[in-house]
Amino acid sequence: MNKVIIGILFMVGFSIADKLYFLDVYGTDCEMCPVAVRKGLLRLRGIKDVKASDIDFEKNITKFITLSDDGLRPDDILESVKETGKIVGKPYRGKITGVKDIK
């Protein structure tokens, strides 16, 4: 019985405390910018998926939706965006516009 419960918790337990972070990234002015930001975010421990939901090169803003576990700090996400900008030579700046718990 305990093995069954542990198995069920193992299969579904990882999604119980997930969060969606809605993120605006400023300074994304070319087609490779969203790709670079996505790759940078995926390197963070706790990030499970990243999607660019809206890209506006005229305003240099890309909106992202990021799925992560509950242990990730919002400051880690913003720091990753900033560091990715330094690597590619662009002044990326992130702003978290919303957070939603996934249950």
PDB file of N, CA and C in Angstrom:
ATOM      1  N   MET A   1       0.816  -1.191   0.000  1.00  0.00           N
ATOM      2  CA  MET A   1       0.000   0.000   0.000  1.00  0.00           C
ATOM      3  C   MET A   1       0.866   1.263   0.000  1.00  0.00           C
ATOM      4  N   ASN A   2       1.885   1.312   0.872  1.00  0.00           N
ATOM      5  CA  ASN A   2       2.759   2.482   0.920  1.00  0.00           C
ATOM      6  C   ASN A   2       3.494   2.693  -0.393  1.00  0.00           C
ATOM      7  N   LYS A   3       3.895   1.594  -1.041  1.00  0.00           N
ATOM      8  CA  LYS A   3       4.589   1.719  -2.324  1.00  0.00           C
ATOM      9  C   LYS A   3       3.679   2.328  -3.378  1.00  0.00           C
ATOM     10  N   VAL A   4       2.406   1.983  -3.351  1.00  0.00           N
ATOM     11  CA  VAL A   4       1.445   2.539  -4.303  1.00  0.00           C
ATOM     12  C   VAL A   4       1.288   4.035  -4.072  1.00  0.00           C
ATOM     13  N   ILE A   5       1.138   4.443  -2.826  1.00  0.00           N
ATOM     14  CA  ILE A   5       0.990   5.864  -2.505  1.00  0.00           C
ATOM     15  C   ILE A   5       2.243   6.631  -2.894  1.00  0.00           C
ATOM     16  N   ILE A   6       3.397   6.102  -2.577  1.00  0.00           N
ATOM     17  CA  ILE A   6       4.656   6.761  -2.947  1.00  0.00           C
ATOM     18  C   ILE A   6       4.768   6.865  -4.459  1.00  0.00           C
ATOM     19  N   GLY A   7       4.382   5.818  -5.175  1.00  0.00           N
ATOM     20  CA  GLY A   7       4.419   5.848  -6.638  1.00  0.00           C
ATOM     21  C   GLY A   7       3.500   6.903  -7.208  1.00  0.00           C
ATOM     22  N   ILE A   8       2.299   7.020  -6.661  1.00  0.00           N
ATOM     23  CA  ILE A   8       1.357   8.036  -7.132  1.00  0.00           C
ATOM     24  C   ILE A   8       1.888   9.430  -6.834  1.00  0.00           C
ATOM     25  N   LEU A   9       2.410   9.651  -5.636  1.00  0.00           N
ATOM     26  CA  LEU A   9       2.988  10.953  -5.306  1.00  0.00           C
ATOM     27  C   LEU A   9       4.162  11.282  -6.206  1.00  0.00           C
ATOM     28  N   PHE A  10       4.955  10.275  -6.538  1.00  0.00           N
ATOM     29  CA  PHE A  10       6.097  10.499  -7.415  1.00  0.00           C
ATOM     30  C   PHE A  10       5.633  10.932  -8.802  1.00  0.00           C
ATOM     31  N   MET A  11       4.552  10.324  -9.294  1.00  0.00           N
ATOM     32  CA  MET A  11       4.066  10.640 -10.641  1.00  0.00           C
ATOM     33  C   MET A  11       3.398  12.005 -10.714  1.00  0.00           C
ATOM     34  N   VAL A  12       2.619  12.398  -9.703  1.00  0.00           N
ATOM     35  CA  VAL A  12       1.877  13.648  -9.774  1.00  0.00           C
ATOM     36  C   VAL A  12       2.410  14.720  -8.834  1.00  0.00           C
ATOM     37  N   GLY A  13       3.262  14.367  -7.923  1.00  0.00           N
ATOM     38  CA  GLY A  13       3.721  15.305  -6.906  1.00  0.00           C
ATOM     39  C   GLY A  13       4.507  16.479  -7.428  1.00  0.00           C
ATOM     40  N   PHE A  14       5.160  16.323  -8.560  1.00  0.00           N
ATOM     41  CA  PHE A  14       5.994  17.398  -9.070  1.00  0.00           C
ATOM     42  C   PHE A  14       5.183  18.553  -9.623  1.00  0.00           C
ATOM     43  N   SER A  15       3.934  18.324  -9.966  1.00  0.00           N
ATOM     44  CA  SER A  15       3.141  19.399 -10.542  1.00  0.00           C
ATOM     45  C   SER A  15       2.264  20.107  -9.510  1.00  0.00           C
ATOM     46  N   ILE A  16       2.245  19.642  -8.279  1.00  0.00           N
ATOM     47  CA  ILE A  16       1.364  20.225  -7.269  1.00  0.00           C
ATOM     48  C   ILE A  16       1.753  21.669  -6.949  1.00  0.00           C
ATOM     49  N   ALA A  17       3.027  21.979  -6.870  1.00  0.00           N
ATOM     50  CA  ALA A  17       3.464  23.307  -6.438  1.00  0.00           C
ATOM     51  C   ALA A  17       4.041  24.140  -7.581  1.00  0.00           C
ATOM     52  N   ASP A  18       3.687  23.832  -8.813  1.00  0.00           N
ATOM     53  CA  ASP A  18       4.219  24.591  -9.942  1.00  0.00           C
ATOM     54  C   ASP A  18       3.627  25.995  -9.995  1.00  0.00           C
ATOM     55  N   LYS A  19       4.377  26.884 -10.643  1.00  0.00           N
ATOM     56  CA  LYS A  19       3.930  28.263 -10.829  1.00  0.00           C
ATOM     57  C   LYS A  19       4.140  28.662 -12.279  1.00  0.00           C
ATOM     58  N   LEU A  20       3.247  29.510 -12.763  1.00  0.00           N
ATOM     59  CA  LEU A  20       3.438  30.174 -14.042  1.00  0.00           C
ATOM     60  C   LEU A  20       3.880  31.600 -13.747  1.00  0.00           C
ATOM     61  N   TYR A  21       4.986  32.007 -14.338  1.00  0.00           N
ATOM     62  CA  TYR A  21       5.440  33.389 -14.241  1.00  0.00           C
ATOM     63  C   TYR A  21       5.202  34.050 -15.593  1.00  0.00           C
ATOM     64  N   PHE A  22       4.568  35.214 -15.574  1.00  0.00           N
ATOM     65  CA  PHE A  22       4.362  35.999 -16.782  1.00  0.00           C
ATOM     66  C   PHE A  22       5.423  37.091 -16.764  1.00  0.00           C
ATOM     67  N   LEU A  23       6.189  37.157 -17.829  1.00  0.00           N
ATOM     68  CA  LEU A  23       7.414  37.947 -17.837  1.00  0.00           C
ATOM     69  C   LEU A  23       7.495  38.790 -19.100  1.00  0.00           C
ATOM     70  N   ASP A  24       7.740  40.085 -18.948  1.00  0.00           N
ATOM     71  CA  ASP A  24       8.047  40.959 -20.078  1.00  0.00           C
ATOM     72  C   ASP A  24       9.552  41.153 -20.108  1.00  0.00           C
ATOM     73  N   VAL A  25      10.142  40.983 -21.284  1.00  0.00           N
ATOM     74  CA  VAL A  25      11.577  41.212 -21.443  1.00  0.00           C
ATOM     75  C   VAL A  25      11.758  42.351 -22.438  1.00  0.00           C
ATOM     76  N   TYR A  26      12.413  43.405 -21.982  1.00  0.00           N
ATOM     77  CA  TYR A  26      12.662  44.586 -22.796  1.00  0.00           C
ATOM     78  C   TYR A  26      14.058  44.496 -23.403  1.00  0.00           C
ATOM     79  N   GLY A  27      14.195  45.011 -24.623  1.00  0.00           N
ATOM     80  CA  GLY A  27      15.487  45.001 -25.304  1.00  0.00           C
ATOM     81  C   GLY A  27      15.611  43.905 -26.342  1.00  0.00           C
ATOM     82  N   THR A  28      14.528  43.187 -26.600  1.00  0.00           N
ATOM     83  CA  THR A  28      14.544  42.100 -27.590  1.00  0.00           C
ATOM     84  C   THR A  28      14.189  42.694 -28.952  1.00  0.00           C
ATOM     85  N   ASP A  29      15.212  42.950 -29.769  1.00  0.00           N
ATOM     86  CA  ASP A  29      14.990  43.674 -31.017  1.00  0.00           C
ATOM     87  C   ASP A  29      15.254  42.863 -32.286  1.00  0.00           C
ATOM     88  N   CYS A  30      15.497  41.571 -32.155  1.00  0.00           N
ATOM     89  CA  CYS A  30      15.716  40.740 -33.340  1.00  0.00           C
ATOM     90  C   CYS A  30      15.148  39.343 -33.106  1.00  0.00           C
ATOM     91  N   GLU A  31      15.108  38.550 -34.152  1.00  0.00           N
ATOM     92  CA  GLU A  31      14.506  37.215 -34.069  1.00  0.00           C
ATOM     93  C   GLU A  31      15.247  36.273 -33.124  1.00  0.00           C
ATOM     94  N   MET A  32      16.521  36.491 -32.907  1.00  0.00           N
ATOM     95  CA  MET A  32      17.298  35.603 -32.038  1.00  0.00           C
ATOM     96  C   MET A  32      17.176  35.967 -30.557  1.00  0.00           C
ATOM     97  N   CYS A  33      16.711  37.164 -30.256  1.00  0.00           N
ATOM     98  CA  CYS A  33      16.600  37.585 -28.854  1.00  0.00           C
ATOM     99  C   CYS A  33      15.681  36.676 -28.036  1.00  0.00           C
ATOM    100  N   PRO A  34      14.452  36.388 -28.494  1.00  0.00           N
ATOM    101  CA  PRO A  34      13.605  35.484 -27.705  1.00  0.00           C
ATOM    102  C   PRO A  34      14.218  34.094 -27.534  1.00  0.00           C
ATOM    103  N   VAL A  35      14.942  33.638 -28.547  1.00  0.00           N
ATOM    104  CA  VAL A  35      15.608  32.333 -28.470  1.00  0.00           C
ATOM    105  C   VAL A  35      16.679  32.361 -27.381  1.00  0.00           C
ATOM    106  N   ALA A  36      17.477  33.428 -27.354  1.00  0.00           N
ATOM    107  CA  ALA A  36      18.545  33.546 -26.351  1.00  0.00           C
ATOM    108  C   ALA A  36      17.969  33.618 -24.940  1.00  0.00           C
ATOM    109  N   VAL A  37      16.916  34.414 -24.762  1.00  0.00           N
ATOM    110  CA  VAL A  37      16.301  34.544 -23.436  1.00  0.00           C
ATOM    111  C   VAL A  37      15.722  33.206 -22.995  1.00  0.00           C
ATOM    112  N   ARG A  38      15.042  32.512 -23.899  1.00  0.00           N
ATOM    113  CA  ARG A  38      14.454  31.207 -23.566  1.00  0.00           C
ATOM    114  C   ARG A  38      15.543  30.225 -23.129  1.00  0.00           C
ATOM    115  N   LYS A  39      16.635  30.168 -23.895  1.00  0.00           N
ATOM    116  CA  LYS A  39      17.727  29.252 -23.534  1.00  0.00           C
ATOM    117  C   LYS A  39      18.322  29.610 -22.174  1.00  0.00           C
ATOM    118  N   GLY A  40      18.484  30.898 -21.914  1.00  0.00           N
ATOM    119  CA  GLY A  40      19.015  31.328 -20.621  1.00  0.00           C
ATOM    120  C   GLY A  40      18.109  30.927 -19.471  1.00  0.00           C
ATOM    121  N   LEU A  41      16.811  31.094 -19.655  1.00  0.00           N
ATOM    122  CA  LEU A  41      15.865  30.728 -18.599  1.00  0.00           C
ATOM    123  C   LEU A  41      15.830  29.222 -18.373  1.00  0.00           C
ATOM    124  N   LEU A  42      15.923  28.456 -19.446  1.00  0.00           N
ATOM    125  CA  LEU A  42      15.882  26.995 -19.306  1.00  0.00           C
ATOM    126  C   LEU A  42      17.096  26.442 -18.564  1.00  0.00           C
ATOM    127  N   ARG A  43      18.158  27.228 -18.461  1.00  0.00           N
ATOM    128  CA  ARG A  43      19.340  26.790 -17.706  1.00  0.00           C
ATOM    129  C   ARG A  43      19.133  26.880 -16.197  1.00  0.00           C
ATOM    130  N   LEU A  44      18.133  27.633 -15.779  1.00  0.00           N
ATOM    131  CA  LEU A  44      17.876  27.788 -14.346  1.00  0.00           C
ATOM    132  C   LEU A  44      17.318  26.501 -13.759  1.00  0.00           C
ATOM    133  N   ARG A  45      17.820  26.135 -12.609  1.00  0.00           N
ATOM    134  CA  ARG A  45      17.268  24.975 -11.897  1.00  0.00           C
ATOM    135  C   ARG A  45      15.850  25.331 -11.449  1.00  0.00           C
ATOM    136  N   GLY A  46      14.917  24.473 -11.774  1.00  0.00           N
ATOM    137  CA  GLY A  46      13.524  24.697 -11.405  1.00  0.00           C
ATOM    138  C   GLY A  46      12.642  25.121 -12.559  1.00  0.00           C
ATOM    139  N   ILE A  47      13.244  25.602 -13.648  1.00  0.00           N
ATOM    140  CA  ILE A  47      12.455  25.971 -14.827  1.00  0.00           C
ATOM    141  C   ILE A  47      12.116  24.705 -15.594  1.00  0.00           C
ATOM    142  N   LYS A  48      10.839  24.532 -15.875  1.00  0.00           N
ATOM    143  CA  LYS A  48      10.395  23.343 -16.597  1.00  0.00           C
ATOM    144  C   LYS A  48      10.104  23.627 -18.064  1.00  0.00           C
ATOM    145  N   ASP A  49       9.615  24.832 -18.370  1.00  0.00           N
ATOM    146  CA  ASP A  49       9.320  25.188 -19.754  1.00  0.00           C
ATOM    147  C   ASP A  49       9.235  26.699 -19.865  1.00  0.00           C
ATOM    148  N   VAL A  50       9.525  27.201 -21.055  1.00  0.00           N
ATOM    149  CA  VAL A  50       9.459  28.631 -21.340  1.00  0.00           C
ATOM    150  C   VAL A  50       8.868  28.798 -22.731  1.00  0.00           C
ATOM    151  N   LYS A  51       7.885  29.661 -22.864  1.00  0.00           N
ATOM    152  CA  LYS A  51       7.274  29.952 -24.160  1.00  0.00           C
ATOM    153  C   LYS A  51       7.233  31.460 -24.356  1.00  0.00           C
ATOM    154  N   ALA A  52       7.604  31.904 -25.560  1.00  0.00           N
ATOM    155  CA  ALA A  52       7.405  33.302 -25.928  1.00  0.00           C
ATOM    156  C   ALA A  52       5.956  33.426 -26.386  1.00  0.00           C
ATOM    157  N   SER A  53       5.161  34.222 -25.687  1.00  0.00           N
ATOM    158  CA  SER A  53       3.735  34.304 -25.997  1.00  0.00           C
ATOM    159  C   SER A  53       3.389  35.476 -26.901  1.00  0.00           C
ATOM    160  N   ASP A  54       4.232  36.498 -26.943  1.00  0.00           N
ATOM    161  CA  ASP A  54       3.970  37.673 -27.777  1.00  0.00           C
ATOM    162  C   ASP A  54       5.299  38.373 -28.037  1.00  0.00           C
ATOM    163  N   ILE A  55       5.588  38.622 -29.294  1.00  0.00           N
ATOM    164  CA  ILE A  55       6.853  39.260 -29.669  1.00  0.00           C
ATOM    165  C   ILE A  55       6.534  40.547 -30.419  1.00  0.00           C
ATOM    166  N   ASP A  56       7.085  41.674 -29.968  1.00  0.00           N
ATOM    167  CA  ASP A  56       6.889  42.969 -30.615  1.00  0.00           C
ATOM    168  C   ASP A  56       8.258  43.618 -30.807  1.00  0.00           C
ATOM    169  N   PHE A  57       8.823  43.450 -32.011  1.00  0.00           N
ATOM    170  CA  PHE A  57      10.159  43.987 -32.270  1.00  0.00           C
ATOM    171  C   PHE A  57      10.152  45.508 -32.388  1.00  0.00           C
ATOM    172  N   GLU A  58       9.014  46.110 -32.753  1.00  0.00           N
ATOM    173  CA  GLU A  58       8.945  47.569 -32.835  1.00  0.00           C
ATOM    174  C   GLU A  58       9.102  48.206 -31.457  1.00  0.00           C
ATOM    175  N   LYS A  59       8.504  47.580 -30.452  1.00  0.00           N
ATOM    176  CA  LYS A  59       8.610  48.091 -29.079  1.00  0.00           C
ATOM    177  C   LYS A  59       9.737  47.417 -28.301  1.00  0.00           C
ATOM    178  N   ASN A  60      10.414  46.441 -28.937  1.00  0.00           N
ATOM    179  CA  ASN A  60      11.513  45.694 -28.308  1.00  0.00           C
ATOM    180  C   ASN A  60      11.078  44.980 -27.026  1.00  0.00           C
ATOM    181  N   ILE A  61       9.873  44.403 -27.055  1.00  0.00           N
ATOM    182  CA  ILE A  61       9.350  43.668 -25.899  1.00  0.00           C
ATOM    183  C   ILE A  61       8.938  42.268 -26.341  1.00  0.00           C
ATOM    184  N   THR A  62       9.320  41.277 -25.560  1.00  0.00           N
ATOM    185  CA  THR A  62       8.832  39.917 -25.753  1.00  0.00           C
ATOM    186  C   THR A  62       8.203  39.461 -24.449  1.00  0.00           C
ATOM    187  N   LYS A  63       6.987  38.936 -24.554  1.00  0.00           N
ATOM    188  CA  LYS A  63       6.291  38.399 -23.385  1.00  0.00           C
ATOM    189  C   LYS A  63       6.529  36.896 -23.329  1.00  0.00           C
ATOM    190  N   PHE A  64       6.872  36.420 -22.148  1.00  0.00           N
ATOM    191  CA  PHE A  64       7.135  34.997 -21.935  1.00  0.00           C
ATOM    192  C   PHE A  64       6.198  34.455 -20.864  1.00  0.00           C
ATOM    193  N   ILE A  65       5.893  33.172 -20.979  1.00  0.00           N
ATOM    194  CA  ILE A  65       5.223  32.424 -19.919  1.00  0.00           C
ATOM    195  C   ILE A  65       6.197  31.336 -19.505  1.00  0.00           C
ATOM    196  N   THR A  66       6.526  31.295 -18.228  1.00  0.00           N
ATOM    197  CA  THR A  66       7.526  30.368 -17.708  1.00  0.00           C
ATOM    198  C   THR A  66       6.888  29.455 -16.671  1.00  0.00           C
ATOM    199  N   LEU A  67       7.056  28.151 -16.839  1.00  0.00           N
ATOM    200  CA  LEU A  67       6.575  27.168 -15.871  1.00  0.00           C
ATOM    201  C   LEU A  67       7.751  26.743 -15.008  1.00  0.00           C
ATOM    202  N   SER A  68       7.584  26.855 -13.697  1.00  0.00           N
ATOM    203  CA  SER A  68       8.676  26.488 -12.793  1.00  0.00           C
ATOM    204  C   SER A  68       8.123  25.814 -11.552  1.00  0.00           C
ATOM    205  N   ASP A  69       9.029  25.225 -10.789  1.00  0.00           N
ATOM    206  CA  ASP A  69       8.597  24.674  -9.508  1.00  0.00           C
ATOM    207  C   ASP A  69       8.573  25.793  -8.476  1.00  0.00           C
ATOM    208  N   ASP A  70       8.016  25.500  -7.324  1.00  0.00           N
ATOM    209  CA  ASP A  70       7.787  26.511  -6.300  1.00  0.00           C
ATOM    210  C   ASP A  70       9.074  27.015  -5.656  1.00  0.00           C
ATOM    211  N   GLY A  71      10.181  26.306  -5.813  1.00  0.00           N
ATOM    212  CA  GLY A  71      11.426  26.692  -5.166  1.00  0.00           C
ATOM    213  C   GLY A  71      12.184  27.805  -5.868  1.00  0.00           C
ATOM    214  N   LEU A  72      11.777  28.175  -7.064  1.00  0.00           N
ATOM    215  CA  LEU A  72      12.479  29.204  -7.823  1.00  0.00           C
ATOM    216  C   LEU A  72      12.070  30.592  -7.339  1.00  0.00           C
ATOM    217  N   ARG A  73      13.052  31.453  -7.151  1.00  0.00           N
ATOM    218  CA  ARG A  73      12.773  32.827  -6.727  1.00  0.00           C
ATOM    219  C   ARG A  73      12.589  33.720  -7.952  1.00  0.00           C
ATOM    220  N   PRO A  74      11.645  34.654  -7.922  1.00  0.00           N
ATOM    221  CA  PRO A  74      11.463  35.572  -9.049  1.00  0.00           C
ATOM    222  C   PRO A  74      12.739  36.340  -9.393  1.00  0.00           C
ATOM    223  N   ASP A  75      13.537  36.687  -8.389  1.00  0.00           N
ATOM    224  CA  ASP A  75      14.793  37.398  -8.651  1.00  0.00           C
ATOM    225  C   ASP A  75      15.751  36.560  -9.497  1.00  0.00           C
ATOM    226  N   ASP A  76      15.695  35.230  -9.355  1.00  0.00           N
ATOM    227  CA  ASP A  76      16.538  34.354 -10.173  1.00  0.00           C
ATOM    228  C   ASP A  76      16.165  34.468 -11.649  1.00  0.00           C
ATOM    229  N   ILE A  77      14.877  34.581 -11.923  1.00  0.00           N
ATOM    230  CA  ILE A  77      14.406  34.725 -13.300  1.00  0.00           C
ATOM    231  C   ILE A  77      14.912  36.038 -13.886  1.00  0.00           C
ATOM    232  N   LEU A  78      14.754  37.123 -13.141  1.00  0.00           N
ATOM    233  CA  LEU A  78      15.179  38.437 -13.628  1.00  0.00           C
ATOM    234  C   LEU A  78      16.693  38.503 -13.814  1.00  0.00           C
ATOM    235  N   GLU A  79      17.432  37.895 -12.921  1.00  0.00           N
ATOM    236  CA  GLU A  79      18.895  37.870 -13.035  1.00  0.00           C
ATOM    237  C   GLU A  79      19.324  37.069 -14.260  1.00  0.00           C
ATOM    238  N   SER A  80      18.627  35.984 -14.556  1.00  0.00           N
ATOM    239  CA  SER A  80      18.942  35.184 -15.741  1.00  0.00           C
ATOM    240  C   SER A  80      18.746  36.000 -17.014  1.00  0.00           C
ATOM    241  N   VAL A  81      17.672  36.778 -17.058  1.00  0.00           N
ATOM    242  CA  VAL A  81      17.412  37.636 -18.224  1.00  0.00           C
ATOM    243  C   VAL A  81      18.548  38.645 -18.392  1.00  0.00           C
ATOM    244  N   LYS A  82      18.933  39.278 -17.308  1.00  0.00           N
ATOM    245  CA  LYS A  82      20.007  40.281 -17.336  1.00  0.00           C
ATOM    246  C   LYS A  82      21.336  39.661 -17.774  1.00  0.00           C
ATOM    247  N   GLU A  83      21.667  38.495 -17.221  1.00  0.00           N
ATOM    248  CA  GLU A  83      22.920  37.814 -17.567  1.00  0.00           C
ATOM    249  C   GLU A  83      22.930  37.368 -19.029  1.00  0.00           C
ATOM    250  N   THR A  84      21.797  36.896 -19.529  1.00  0.00           N
ATOM    251  CA  THR A  84      21.715  36.514 -20.939  1.00  0.00           C
ATOM    252  C   THR A  84      21.981  37.724 -21.817  1.00  0.00           C
ATOM    253  N   GLY A  85      21.448  38.869 -21.433  1.00  0.00           N
ATOM    254  CA  GLY A  85      21.706  40.098 -22.179  1.00  0.00           C
ATOM    255  C   GLY A  85      23.181  40.449 -22.217  1.00  0.00           C
ATOM    256  N   LYS A  86      23.870  40.267 -21.102  1.00  0.00           N
ATOM    257  CA  LYS A  86      25.315  40.537 -21.071  1.00  0.00           C
ATOM    258  C   LYS A  86      26.063  39.604 -22.019  1.00  0.00           C
ATOM    259  N   ILE A  87      25.653  38.335 -22.053  1.00  0.00           N
ATOM    260  CA  ILE A  87      26.331  37.352 -22.903  1.00  0.00           C
ATOM    261  C   ILE A  87      26.181  37.706 -24.379  1.00  0.00           C
ATOM    262  N   VAL A  88      24.979  38.128 -24.784  1.00  0.00           N
ATOM    263  CA  VAL A  88      24.742  38.413 -26.208  1.00  0.00           C
ATOM    264  C   VAL A  88      24.963  39.884 -26.558  1.00  0.00           C
ATOM    265  N   GLY A  89      25.325  40.691 -25.567  1.00  0.00           N
ATOM    266  CA  GLY A  89      25.627  42.093 -25.824  1.00  0.00           C
ATOM    267  C   GLY A  89      24.401  42.972 -26.002  1.00  0.00           C
ATOM    268  N   LYS A  90      23.314  42.631 -25.316  1.00  0.00           N
ATOM    269  CA  LYS A  90      22.076  43.417 -25.400  1.00  0.00           C
ATOM    270  C   LYS A  90      21.638  43.795 -23.984  1.00  0.00           C
ATOM    271  N   PRO A  91      21.017  44.961 -23.848  1.00  0.00           N
ATOM    272  CA  PRO A  91      20.589  45.399 -22.509  1.00  0.00           C
ATOM    273  C   PRO A  91      19.218  44.838 -22.121  1.00  0.00           C
ATOM    274  N   TYR A  92      19.108  43.520 -22.003  1.00  0.00           N
ATOM    275  CA  TYR A  92      17.829  42.918 -21.629  1.00  0.00           C
ATOM    276  C   TYR A  92      17.464  43.314 -20.206  1.00  0.00           C
ATOM    277  N   ARG A  93      16.178  43.571 -20.038  1.00  0.00           N
ATOM    278  CA  ARG A  93      15.648  43.907 -18.719  1.00  0.00           C
ATOM    279  C   ARG A  93      14.315  43.189 -18.572  1.00  0.00           C
ATOM    280  N   GLY A  94      14.149  42.461 -17.488  1.00  0.00           N
ATOM    281  CA  GLY A  94      12.926  41.699 -17.282  1.00  0.00           C
ATOM    282  C   GLY A  94      12.025  42.315 -16.231  1.00  0.00           C
ATOM    283  N   LYS A  95      10.724  42.048 -16.385  1.00  0.00           N
ATOM    284  CA  LYS A  95       9.738  42.488 -15.400  1.00  0.00           C
ATOM    285  C   LYS A  95       8.685  41.389 -15.284  1.00  0.00           C
ATOM    286  N   ILE A  96       8.489  40.886 -14.077  1.00  0.00           N
ATOM    287  CA  ILE A  96       7.458  39.876 -13.851  1.00  0.00           C
ATOM    288  C   ILE A  96       6.126  40.600 -13.703  1.00  0.00           C
ATOM    289  N   THR A  97       5.193  40.262 -14.594  1.00  0.00           N
ATOM    290  CA  THR A  97       3.901  40.945 -14.612  1.00  0.00           C
ATOM    291  C   THR A  97       2.796  40.145 -13.934  1.00  0.00           C
ATOM    292  N   GLY A  98       3.087  38.896 -13.592  1.00  0.00           N
ATOM    293  CA  GLY A  98       2.084  38.089 -12.912  1.00  0.00           C
ATOM    294  C   GLY A  98       2.627  36.729 -12.521  1.00  0.00           C
ATOM    295  N   VAL A  99       1.985  36.125 -11.532  1.00  0.00           N
ATOM    296  CA  VAL A  99       2.345  34.786 -11.066  1.00  0.00           C
ATOM    297  C   VAL A  99       1.042  34.041 -10.801  1.00  0.00           C
ATOM    298  N   LYS A 100       0.988  32.802 -11.256  1.00  0.00           N
ATOM    299  CA  LYS A 100      -0.205  31.986 -11.024  1.00  0.00           C
ATOM    300  C   LYS A 100       0.217  30.626 -10.507  1.00  0.00           C
ATOM    301  N   ASP A 101      -0.369  30.215  -9.386  1.00  0.00           N
ATOM    302  CA  ASP A 101      -0.120  28.875  -8.850  1.00  0.00           C
ATOM    303  C   ASP A 101      -0.889  27.856  -9.678  1.00  0.00           C
ATOM    304  N   ILE A 102      -0.235  26.754 -10.001  1.00  0.00           N
ATOM    305  CA  ILE A 102      -0.863  25.656 -10.725  1.00  0.00           C
ATOM    306  C   ILE A 102      -1.145  24.556  -9.715  1.00  0.00           C
ATOM    307  N   LYS A 103      -2.369  24.137  -9.632  1.00  0.00           N
ATOM    308  CA  LYS A 103      -2.734  23.104  -8.651  1.00  0.00           C
ATOM    309  C   LYS A 103      -3.248  21.874  -9.331  1.00  0.00           C
TER     310      LYS A 103
END
